[in-house]
Amino acid sequence: FDYIFETENRYPGAPSVTIHEVEASKDFYVEGNKIT
């Protein structure tokens, strides 16, 4: 889905994402909710 992750000359109809890399056993939070 290269067009979604494109930072220059983006197609105006493409969805946009914010990337969060996660690793096994390292907790993270989504709106205050802990996920393992």
PDB file of all heavy atoms in Angstrom:
ATOM      1  N   PHE A   1       0.842  -1.193   0.000  1.00  0.00           N
ATOM      2  CA  PHE A   1       0.000   0.000   0.000  1.00  0.00           C
ATOM      3  C   PHE A   1       0.877   1.243   0.000  1.00  0.00           C
ATOM      4  O   PHE A   1       0.713   2.131   0.839  1.00  0.00           O
ATOM      5  CB  PHE A   1      -0.913  -0.006   1.233  1.00  0.00           C
ATOM      6  CG  PHE A   1      -1.851  -1.178   1.320  1.00  0.00           C
ATOM      7  CD1 PHE A   1      -1.517  -2.303   2.054  1.00  0.00           C
ATOM      8  CD2 PHE A   1      -3.070  -1.161   0.659  1.00  0.00           C
ATOM      9  CE1 PHE A   1      -2.387  -3.381   2.148  1.00  0.00           C
ATOM     10  CE2 PHE A   1      -3.944  -2.233   0.739  1.00  0.00           C
ATOM     11  CZ  PHE A   1      -3.596  -3.344   1.472  1.00  0.00           C
ATOM     12  N   ASP A   2       1.785   1.308  -0.966  1.00  0.00           N
ATOM     13  CA  ASP A   2       2.757   2.405  -0.974  1.00  0.00           C
ATOM     14  C   ASP A   2       2.091   3.770  -0.996  1.00  0.00           C
ATOM     15  O   ASP A   2       2.570   4.725  -0.381  1.00  0.00           O
ATOM     16  CB  ASP A   2       3.722   2.253  -2.150  1.00  0.00           C
ATOM     17  CG  ASP A   2       3.020   2.170  -3.503  1.00  0.00           C
ATOM     18  OD1 ASP A   2       1.804   1.894  -3.545  1.00  0.00           O
ATOM     19  OD2 ASP A   2       3.701   2.378  -4.528  1.00  0.00           O
ATOM     20  N   TYR A   3       0.941   3.905  -1.661  1.00  0.00           N
ATOM     21  CA  TYR A   3       0.271   5.196  -1.770  1.00  0.00           C
ATOM     22  C   TYR A   3      -0.267   5.678  -0.429  1.00  0.00           C
ATOM     23  O   TYR A   3      -0.453   6.881  -0.218  1.00  0.00           O
ATOM     24  CB  TYR A   3      -0.875   5.108  -2.787  1.00  0.00           C
ATOM     25  CG  TYR A   3      -1.973   4.136  -2.408  1.00  0.00           C
ATOM     26  CD1 TYR A   3      -3.124   4.558  -1.747  1.00  0.00           C
ATOM     27  CD2 TYR A   3      -1.845   2.774  -2.698  1.00  0.00           C
ATOM     28  CE1 TYR A   3      -4.115   3.663  -1.379  1.00  0.00           C
ATOM     29  CE2 TYR A   3      -2.838   1.874  -2.330  1.00  0.00           C
ATOM     30  CZ  TYR A   3      -3.969   2.325  -1.674  1.00  0.00           C
ATOM     31  OH  TYR A   3      -4.939   1.422  -1.313  1.00  0.00           O
ATOM     32  N   ILE A   4      -0.525   4.747   0.522  1.00  0.00           N
ATOM     33  CA  ILE A   4      -0.981   5.144   1.847  1.00  0.00           C
ATOM     34  C   ILE A   4       0.161   5.743   2.652  1.00  0.00           C
ATOM     35  O   ILE A   4      -0.016   6.708   3.407  1.00  0.00           O
ATOM     36  CB  ILE A   4      -1.590   3.941   2.591  1.00  0.00           C
ATOM     37  CG1 ILE A   4      -2.891   3.497   1.921  1.00  0.00           C
ATOM     38  CG2 ILE A   4      -1.841   4.261   4.073  1.00  0.00           C
ATOM     39  CD1 ILE A   4      -3.539   2.279   2.551  1.00  0.00           C
ATOM     40  N   PHE A   5       1.358   5.204   2.454  1.00  0.00           N
ATOM     41  CA  PHE A   5       2.513   5.614   3.245  1.00  0.00           C
ATOM     42  C   PHE A   5       3.342   6.702   2.561  1.00  0.00           C
ATOM     43  O   PHE A   5       4.328   7.174   3.130  1.00  0.00           O
ATOM     44  CB  PHE A   5       3.390   4.394   3.547  1.00  0.00           C
ATOM     45  CG  PHE A   5       2.710   3.373   4.411  1.00  0.00           C
ATOM     46  CD1 PHE A   5       1.898   2.378   3.859  1.00  0.00           C
ATOM     47  CD2 PHE A   5       2.837   3.404   5.790  1.00  0.00           C
ATOM     48  CE1 PHE A   5       1.266   1.446   4.653  1.00  0.00           C
ATOM     49  CE2 PHE A   5       2.206   2.469   6.598  1.00  0.00           C
ATOM     50  CZ  PHE A   5       1.413   1.491   6.025  1.00  0.00           C
ATOM     51  N   GLU A   6       2.968   7.088   1.357  1.00  0.00           N
ATOM     52  CA  GLU A   6       3.676   8.131   0.625  1.00  0.00           C
ATOM     53  C   GLU A   6       3.618   9.447   1.388  1.00  0.00           C
ATOM     54  O   GLU A   6       2.558   9.837   1.902  1.00  0.00           O
ATOM     55  CB  GLU A   6       3.047   8.316  -0.767  1.00  0.00           C
ATOM     56  CG  GLU A   6       3.714   9.354  -1.635  1.00  0.00           C
ATOM     57  CD  GLU A   6       5.147   8.999  -1.956  1.00  0.00           C
ATOM     58  OE1 GLU A   6       5.382   7.944  -2.562  1.00  0.00           O
ATOM     59  OE2 GLU A   6       6.040   9.792  -1.551  1.00  0.00           O
ATOM     60  N   THR A   7       4.747  10.123   1.510  1.00  0.00           N
ATOM     61  CA  THR A   7       4.791  11.391   2.244  1.00  0.00           C
ATOM     62  C   THR A   7       4.802  12.602   1.314  1.00  0.00           C
ATOM     63  O   THR A   7       4.497  13.708   1.754  1.00  0.00           O
ATOM     64  CB  THR A   7       6.029  11.446   3.151  1.00  0.00           C
ATOM     65  OG1 THR A   7       7.210  11.229   2.365  1.00  0.00           O
ATOM     66  CG2 THR A   7       5.933  10.369   4.238  1.00  0.00           C
ATOM     67  N   GLU A   8       5.158  12.390   0.054  1.00  0.00           N
ATOM     68  CA  GLU A   8       5.164  13.485  -0.918  1.00  0.00           C
ATOM     69  C   GLU A   8       4.239  13.132  -2.073  1.00  0.00           C
ATOM     70  O   GLU A   8       4.091  11.973  -2.449  1.00  0.00           O
ATOM     71  CB  GLU A   8       6.580  13.734  -1.447  1.00  0.00           C
ATOM     72  CG  GLU A   8       7.570  14.157  -0.370  1.00  0.00           C
ATOM     73  CD  GLU A   8       8.956  14.387  -0.942  1.00  0.00           C
ATOM     74  OE1 GLU A   8       9.104  14.346  -2.183  1.00  0.00           O
ATOM     75  OE2 GLU A   8       9.886  14.595  -0.151  1.00  0.00           O
ATOM     76  N   ASN A   9       3.611  14.158  -2.630  1.00  0.00           N
ATOM     77  CA  ASN A   9       2.695  13.977  -3.769  1.00  0.00           C
ATOM     78  C   ASN A   9       1.632  12.915  -3.477  1.00  0.00           C
ATOM     79  O   ASN A   9       1.337  12.054  -4.300  1.00  0.00           O
ATOM     80  CB  ASN A   9       3.481  13.593  -5.033  1.00  0.00           C
ATOM     81  CG  ASN A   9       4.508  14.635  -5.412  1.00  0.00           C
ATOM     82  OD1 ASN A   9       4.228  15.824  -5.383  1.00  0.00           O
ATOM     83  ND2 ASN A   9       5.717  14.168  -5.744  1.00  0.00           N
ATOM     84  N   ARG A  10       1.066  12.986  -2.267  1.00  0.00           N
ATOM     85  CA  ARG A  10       0.060  12.011  -1.866  1.00  0.00           C
ATOM     86  C   ARG A  10      -1.200  12.148  -2.699  1.00  0.00           C
ATOM     87  O   ARG A  10      -1.636  13.259  -3.019  1.00  0.00           O
ATOM     88  CB  ARG A  10      -0.301  12.194  -0.382  1.00  0.00           C
ATOM     89  CG  ARG A  10       0.708  11.618   0.573  1.00  0.00           C
ATOM     90  CD  ARG A  10       0.260  11.845   2.011  1.00  0.00           C
ATOM     91  NE  ARG A  10      -1.087  11.365   2.278  1.00  0.00           N
ATOM     92  CZ  ARG A  10      -1.395  10.100   2.526  1.00  0.00           C
ATOM     93  NH1 ARG A  10      -0.450   9.177   2.570  1.00  0.00           N
ATOM     94  NH2 ARG A  10      -2.649   9.743   2.751  1.00  0.00           N
ATOM     95  N   TYR A  11      -1.785  11.018  -3.031  1.00  0.00           N
ATOM     96  CA  TYR A  11      -3.095  11.034  -3.674  1.00  0.00           C
ATOM     97  C   TYR A  11      -4.106  11.539  -2.653  1.00  0.00           C
ATOM     98  O   TYR A  11      -4.174  11.011  -1.527  1.00  0.00           O
ATOM     99  CB  TYR A  11      -3.466   9.631  -4.155  1.00  0.00           C
ATOM    100  CG  TYR A  11      -4.858   9.529  -4.725  1.00  0.00           C
ATOM    101  CD1 TYR A  11      -5.216  10.220  -5.878  1.00  0.00           C
ATOM    102  CD2 TYR A  11      -5.840   8.770  -4.084  1.00  0.00           C
ATOM    103  CE1 TYR A  11      -6.502  10.147  -6.391  1.00  0.00           C
ATOM    104  CE2 TYR A  11      -7.125   8.691  -4.585  1.00  0.00           C
ATOM    105  CZ  TYR A  11      -7.455   9.386  -5.745  1.00  0.00           C
ATOM    106  OH  TYR A  11      -8.732   9.325  -6.239  1.00  0.00           O
ATOM    107  N   PRO A  12      -4.919  12.548  -2.979  1.00  0.00           N
ATOM    108  CA  PRO A  12      -5.792  13.160  -1.972  1.00  0.00           C
ATOM    109  C   PRO A  12      -6.857  12.232  -1.404  1.00  0.00           C
ATOM    110  O   PRO A  12      -7.380  12.483  -0.316  1.00  0.00           O
ATOM    111  CB  PRO A  12      -6.429  14.338  -2.722  1.00  0.00           C
ATOM    112  CG  PRO A  12      -6.287  14.008  -4.173  1.00  0.00           C
ATOM    113  CD  PRO A  12      -5.012  13.234  -4.286  1.00  0.00           C
ATOM    114  N   GLY A  13      -7.191  11.143  -2.101  1.00  0.00           N
ATOM    115  CA  GLY A  13      -8.201  10.213  -1.597  1.00  0.00           C
ATOM    116  C   GLY A  13      -7.642   9.093  -0.762  1.00  0.00           C
ATOM    117  O   GLY A  13      -8.406   8.254  -0.261  1.00  0.00           O
ATOM    118  N   ALA A  14      -6.331   9.046  -0.575  1.00  0.00           N
ATOM    119  CA  ALA A  14      -5.716   7.951   0.175  1.00  0.00           C
ATOM    120  C   ALA A  14      -5.954   8.120   1.671  1.00  0.00           C
ATOM    121  O   ALA A  14      -5.974   9.242   2.185  1.00  0.00           O
ATOM    122  CB  ALA A  14      -4.222   7.880  -0.105  1.00  0.00           C
ATOM    123  N   PRO A  15      -6.142   7.015   2.378  1.00  0.00           N
ATOM    124  CA  PRO A  15      -6.213   7.118   3.846  1.00  0.00           C
ATOM    125  C   PRO A  15      -4.845   7.457   4.408  1.00  0.00           C
ATOM    126  O   PRO A  15      -3.813   7.234   3.751  1.00  0.00           O
ATOM    127  CB  PRO A  15      -6.653   5.718   4.271  1.00  0.00           C
ATOM    128  CG  PRO A  15      -6.145   4.813   3.199  1.00  0.00           C
ATOM    129  CD  PRO A  15      -6.227   5.615   1.925  1.00  0.00           C
ATOM    130  N   SER A  16      -4.819   7.987   5.587  1.00  0.00           N
ATOM    131  CA  SER A  16      -3.541   8.280   6.231  1.00  0.00           C
ATOM    132  C   SER A  16      -3.427   7.476   7.520  1.00  0.00           C
ATOM    133  O   SER A  16      -4.430   7.204   8.187  1.00  0.00           O
ATOM    134  CB  SER A  16      -3.402   9.774   6.528  1.00  0.00           C
ATOM    135  OG  SER A  16      -4.462  10.230   7.345  1.00  0.00           O
ATOM    136  N   VAL A  17      -2.202   7.114   7.859  1.00  0.00           N
ATOM    137  CA  VAL A  17      -1.957   6.290   9.038  1.00  0.00           C
ATOM    138  C   VAL A  17      -0.842   6.896   9.881  1.00  0.00           C
ATOM    139  O   VAL A  17       0.033   7.602   9.370  1.00  0.00           O
ATOM    140  CB  VAL A  17      -1.592   4.838   8.657  1.00  0.00           C
ATOM    141  CG1 VAL A  17      -2.737   4.167   7.916  1.00  0.00           C
ATOM    142  CG2 VAL A  17      -0.314   4.782   7.825  1.00  0.00           C
ATOM    143  N   THR A  18      -0.904   6.609  11.155  1.00  0.00           N
ATOM    144  CA  THR A  18       0.184   6.925  12.071  1.00  0.00           C
ATOM    145  C   THR A  18       0.773   5.606  12.538  1.00  0.00           C
ATOM    146  O   THR A  18       0.068   4.753  13.098  1.00  0.00           O
ATOM    147  CB  THR A  18      -0.328   7.722  13.287  1.00  0.00           C
ATOM    148  OG1 THR A  18      -0.966   8.912  12.827  1.00  0.00           O
ATOM    149  CG2 THR A  18       0.824   8.093  14.205  1.00  0.00           C
ATOM    150  N   ILE A  19       2.062   5.419  12.276  1.00  0.00           N
ATOM    151  CA  ILE A  19       2.705   4.122  12.495  1.00  0.00           C
ATOM    152  C   ILE A  19       3.219   4.006  13.925  1.00  0.00           C
ATOM    153  O   ILE A  19       3.902   4.896  14.437  1.00  0.00           O
ATOM    154  CB  ILE A  19       3.880   3.932  11.513  1.00  0.00           C
ATOM    155  CG1 ILE A  19       3.387   3.970  10.075  1.00  0.00           C
ATOM    156  CG2 ILE A  19       4.621   2.632  11.808  1.00  0.00           C
ATOM    157  CD1 ILE A  19       4.519   4.043   9.060  1.00  0.00           C
ATOM    158  N   HIS A  20       2.904   2.872  14.546  1.00  0.00           N
ATOM    159  CA  HIS A  20       3.451   2.530  15.859  1.00  0.00           C
ATOM    160  C   HIS A  20       4.058   1.136  15.758  1.00  0.00           C
ATOM    161  O   HIS A  20       3.333   0.151  15.597  1.00  0.00           O
ATOM    162  CB  HIS A  20       2.369   2.534  16.924  1.00  0.00           C
ATOM    163  CG  HIS A  20       1.681   3.856  17.103  1.00  0.00           C
ATOM    164  ND1 HIS A  20       2.128   4.820  17.980  1.00  0.00           N
ATOM    165  CD2 HIS A  20       0.579   4.372  16.498  1.00  0.00           C
ATOM    166  CE1 HIS A  20       1.334   5.871  17.922  1.00  0.00           C
ATOM    167  NE2 HIS A  20       0.383   5.629  17.023  1.00  0.00           N
ATOM    168  N   GLU A  21       5.377   1.044  15.818  1.00  0.00           N
ATOM    169  CA  GLU A  21       6.035  -0.260  15.796  1.00  0.00           C
ATOM    170  C   GLU A  21       5.964  -0.880  17.181  1.00  0.00           C
ATOM    171  O   GLU A  21       6.234  -0.206  18.182  1.00  0.00           O
ATOM    172  CB  GLU A  21       7.485  -0.121  15.351  1.00  0.00           C
ATOM    173  CG  GLU A  21       7.645   0.259  13.889  1.00  0.00           C
ATOM    174  CD  GLU A  21       9.101   0.289  13.459  1.00  0.00           C
ATOM    175  OE1 GLU A  21       9.980  -0.104  14.274  1.00  0.00           O
ATOM    176  OE2 GLU A  21       9.372   0.708  12.314  1.00  0.00           O
ATOM    177  N   VAL A  22       5.582  -2.137  17.231  1.00  0.00           N
ATOM    178  CA  VAL A  22       5.471  -2.821  18.518  1.00  0.00           C
ATOM    179  C   VAL A  22       6.338  -4.073  18.518  1.00  0.00           C
ATOM    180  O   VAL A  22       6.657  -4.639  17.464  1.00  0.00           O
ATOM    181  CB  VAL A  22       4.000  -3.186  18.839  1.00  0.00           C
ATOM    182  CG1 VAL A  22       3.158  -1.932  18.935  1.00  0.00           C
ATOM    183  CG2 VAL A  22       3.427  -4.133  17.820  1.00  0.00           C
ATOM    184  N   GLU A  23       6.718  -4.473  19.699  1.00  0.00           N
ATOM    185  CA  GLU A  23       7.525  -5.674  19.879  1.00  0.00           C
ATOM    186  C   GLU A  23       6.859  -6.577  20.902  1.00  0.00           C
ATOM    187  O   GLU A  23       6.186  -6.095  21.827  1.00  0.00           O
ATOM    188  CB  GLU A  23       8.935  -5.317  20.353  1.00  0.00           C
ATOM    189  CG  GLU A  23       9.728  -4.464  19.383  1.00  0.00           C
ATOM    190  CD  GLU A  23      11.100  -4.131  19.929  1.00  0.00           C
ATOM    191  OE1 GLU A  23      11.616  -4.910  20.769  1.00  0.00           O
ATOM    192  OE2 GLU A  23      11.650  -3.096  19.525  1.00  0.00           O
ATOM    193  N   ALA A  24       7.052  -7.856  20.736  1.00  0.00           N
ATOM    194  CA  ALA A  24       6.461  -8.826  21.657  1.00  0.00           C
ATOM    195  C   ALA A  24       6.864  -8.516  23.091  1.00  0.00           C
ATOM    196  O   ALA A  24       8.022  -8.173  23.370  1.00  0.00           O
ATOM    197  CB  ALA A  24       6.885 -10.238  21.276  1.00  0.00           C
ATOM    198  N   SER A  25       5.902  -8.609  23.993  1.00  0.00           N
ATOM    199  CA  SER A  25       6.079  -8.462  25.440  1.00  0.00           C
ATOM    200  C   SER A  25       6.324  -7.026  25.895  1.00  0.00           C
ATOM    201  O   SER A  25       6.488  -6.787  27.103  1.00  0.00           O
ATOM    202  CB  SER A  25       7.220  -9.361  25.955  1.00  0.00           C
ATOM    203  OG  SER A  25       6.971 -10.710  25.626  1.00  0.00           O
ATOM    204  N   LYS A  26       6.338  -6.064  24.970  1.00  0.00           N
ATOM    205  CA  LYS A  26       6.505  -4.660  25.351  1.00  0.00           C
ATOM    206  C   LYS A  26       5.142  -3.980  25.294  1.00  0.00           C
ATOM    207  O   LYS A  26       4.608  -3.722  24.214  1.00  0.00           O
ATOM    208  CB  LYS A  26       7.514  -3.962  24.442  1.00  0.00           C
ATOM    209  CG  LYS A  26       8.931  -4.470  24.633  1.00  0.00           C
ATOM    210  CD  LYS A  26       9.938  -3.620  23.883  1.00  0.00           C
ATOM    211  CE  LYS A  26      11.361  -4.096  24.154  1.00  0.00           C
ATOM    212  NZ  LYS A  26      12.365  -3.249  23.444  1.00  0.00           N
ATOM    213  N   ASP A  27       4.597  -3.700  26.470  1.00  0.00           N
ATOM    214  CA  ASP A  27       3.265  -3.113  26.550  1.00  0.00           C
ATOM    215  C   ASP A  27       3.195  -1.773  25.825  1.00  0.00           C
ATOM    216  O   ASP A  27       4.173  -1.021  25.781  1.00  0.00           O
ATOM    217  CB  ASP A  27       2.866  -2.885  28.017  1.00  0.00           C
ATOM    218  CG  ASP A  27       2.772  -4.166  28.821  1.00  0.00           C
ATOM    219  OD1 ASP A  27       2.652  -5.244  28.211  1.00  0.00           O
ATOM    220  OD2 ASP A  27       2.825  -4.077  30.062  1.00  0.00           O
ATOM    221  N   PHE A  28       2.022  -1.481  25.274  1.00  0.00           N
ATOM    222  CA  PHE A  28       1.751  -0.154  24.747  1.00  0.00           C
ATOM    223  C   PHE A  28       0.330   0.221  25.136  1.00  0.00           C
ATOM    224  O   PHE A  28      -0.430  -0.604  25.661  1.00  0.00           O
ATOM    225  CB  PHE A  28       1.968  -0.092  23.227  1.00  0.00           C
ATOM    226  CG  PHE A  28       1.067  -0.987  22.415  1.00  0.00           C
ATOM    227  CD1 PHE A  28      -0.158  -0.539  21.936  1.00  0.00           C
ATOM    228  CD2 PHE A  28       1.451  -2.293  22.102  1.00  0.00           C
ATOM    229  CE1 PHE A  28      -0.975  -1.357  21.181  1.00  0.00           C
ATOM    230  CE2 PHE A  28       0.632  -3.117  21.338  1.00  0.00           C
ATOM    231  CZ  PHE A  28      -0.589  -2.643  20.881  1.00  0.00           C
ATOM    232  N   TYR A  29      -0.009   1.484  24.912  1.00  0.00           N
ATOM    233  CA  TYR A  29      -1.315   1.986  25.352  1.00  0.00           C
ATOM    234  C   TYR A  29      -2.062   2.612  24.189  1.00  0.00           C
ATOM    235  O   TYR A  29      -1.478   3.337  23.379  1.00  0.00           O
ATOM    236  CB  TYR A  29      -1.135   3.024  26.461  1.00  0.00           C
ATOM    237  CG  TYR A  29      -0.644   2.422  27.758  1.00  0.00           C
ATOM    238  CD1 TYR A  29       0.708   2.143  27.937  1.00  0.00           C
ATOM    239  CD2 TYR A  29      -1.533   2.103  28.785  1.00  0.00           C
ATOM    240  CE1 TYR A  29       1.164   1.577  29.116  1.00  0.00           C
ATOM    241  CE2 TYR A  29      -1.075   1.537  29.974  1.00  0.00           C
ATOM    242  CZ  TYR A  29       0.262   1.281  30.132  1.00  0.00           C
ATOM    243  OH  TYR A  29       0.717   0.713  31.295  1.00  0.00           O
ATOM    244  N   VAL A  30      -3.341   2.317  24.101  1.00  0.00           N
ATOM    245  CA  VAL A  30      -4.238   2.967  23.140  1.00  0.00           C
ATOM    246  C   VAL A  30      -5.299   3.700  23.957  1.00  0.00           C
ATOM    247  O   VAL A  30      -6.109   3.068  24.646  1.00  0.00           O
ATOM    248  CB  VAL A  30      -4.892   1.945  22.193  1.00  0.00           C
ATOM    249  CG1 VAL A  30      -5.916   2.635  21.299  1.00  0.00           C
ATOM    250  CG2 VAL A  30      -3.843   1.242  21.347  1.00  0.00           C
ATOM    251  N   GLU A  31      -5.220   5.016  23.939  1.00  0.00           N
ATOM    252  CA  GLU A  31      -6.136   5.869  24.696  1.00  0.00           C
ATOM    253  C   GLU A  31      -6.247   5.422  26.157  1.00  0.00           C
ATOM    254  O   GLU A  31      -7.331   5.303  26.732  1.00  0.00           O
ATOM    255  CB  GLU A  31      -7.505   5.936  24.022  1.00  0.00           C
ATOM    256  CG  GLU A  31      -7.423   6.529  22.613  1.00  0.00           C
ATOM    257  CD  GLU A  31      -8.774   6.901  22.040  1.00  0.00           C
ATOM    258  OE1 GLU A  31      -9.792   6.778  22.752  1.00  0.00           O
ATOM    259  OE2 GLU A  31      -8.804   7.329  20.878  1.00  0.00           O
ATOM    260  N   GLY A  32      -5.080   5.126  26.731  1.00  0.00           N
ATOM    261  CA  GLY A  32      -5.004   4.766  28.143  1.00  0.00           C
ATOM    262  C   GLY A  32      -5.227   3.302  28.459  1.00  0.00           C
ATOM    263  O   GLY A  32      -5.095   2.896  29.617  1.00  0.00           O
ATOM    264  N   ASN A  33      -5.535   2.502  27.457  1.00  0.00           N
ATOM    265  CA  ASN A  33      -5.784   1.075  27.656  1.00  0.00           C
ATOM    266  C   ASN A  33      -4.518   0.270  27.380  1.00  0.00           C
ATOM    267  O   ASN A  33      -3.975   0.327  26.266  1.00  0.00           O
ATOM    268  CB  ASN A  33      -6.898   0.611  26.721  1.00  0.00           C
ATOM    269  CG  ASN A  33      -8.208   1.333  26.993  1.00  0.00           C
ATOM    270  OD1 ASN A  33      -8.761   1.246  28.079  1.00  0.00           O
ATOM    271  ND2 ASN A  33      -8.706   2.058  26.006  1.00  0.00           N
ATOM    272  N   LYS A  34      -4.070  -0.480  28.370  1.00  0.00           N
ATOM    273  CA  LYS A  34      -2.818  -1.241  28.216  1.00  0.00           C
ATOM    274  C   LYS A  34      -3.032  -2.494  27.384  1.00  0.00           C
ATOM    275  O   LYS A  34      -3.939  -3.281  27.642  1.00  0.00           O
ATOM    276  CB  LYS A  34      -2.253  -1.637  29.584  1.00  0.00           C
ATOM    277  CG  LYS A  34      -0.881  -2.310  29.474  1.00  0.00           C
ATOM    278  CD  LYS A  34      -0.252  -2.566  30.825  1.00  0.00           C
ATOM    279  CE  LYS A  34      -0.771  -3.833  31.454  1.00  0.00           C
ATOM    280  NZ  LYS A  34       0.041  -4.253  32.629  1.00  0.00           N
ATOM    281  N   ILE A  35      -2.168  -2.686  26.401  1.00  0.00           N
ATOM    282  CA  ILE A  35      -2.204  -3.848  25.510  1.00  0.00           C
ATOM    283  C   ILE A  35      -0.835  -4.521  25.540  1.00  0.00           C
ATOM    284  O   ILE A  35       0.197  -3.857  25.424  1.00  0.00           O
ATOM    285  CB  ILE A  35      -2.570  -3.439  24.075  1.00  0.00           C
ATOM    286  CG1 ILE A  35      -3.947  -2.759  24.063  1.00  0.00           C
ATOM    287  CG2 ILE A  35      -2.541  -4.644  23.143  1.00  0.00           C
ATOM    288  CD1 ILE A  35      -4.343  -2.185  22.722  1.00  0.00           C
ATOM    289  N   THR A  36      -0.847  -5.830  25.691  1.00  0.00           N
ATOM    290  CA  THR A  36       0.399  -6.595  25.700  1.00  0.00           C
ATOM    291  C   THR A  36       0.490  -7.436  24.438  1.00  0.00           C
ATOM    292  O   THR A  36      -0.355  -8.313  24.217  1.00  0.00           O
ATOM    293  CB  THR A  36       0.472  -7.526  26.919  1.00  0.00           C
ATOM    294  OG1 THR A  36       0.345  -6.754  28.121  1.00  0.00           O
ATOM    295  CG2 THR A  36       1.793  -8.292  26.947  1.00  0.00           C
TER     296      THR A  36
END
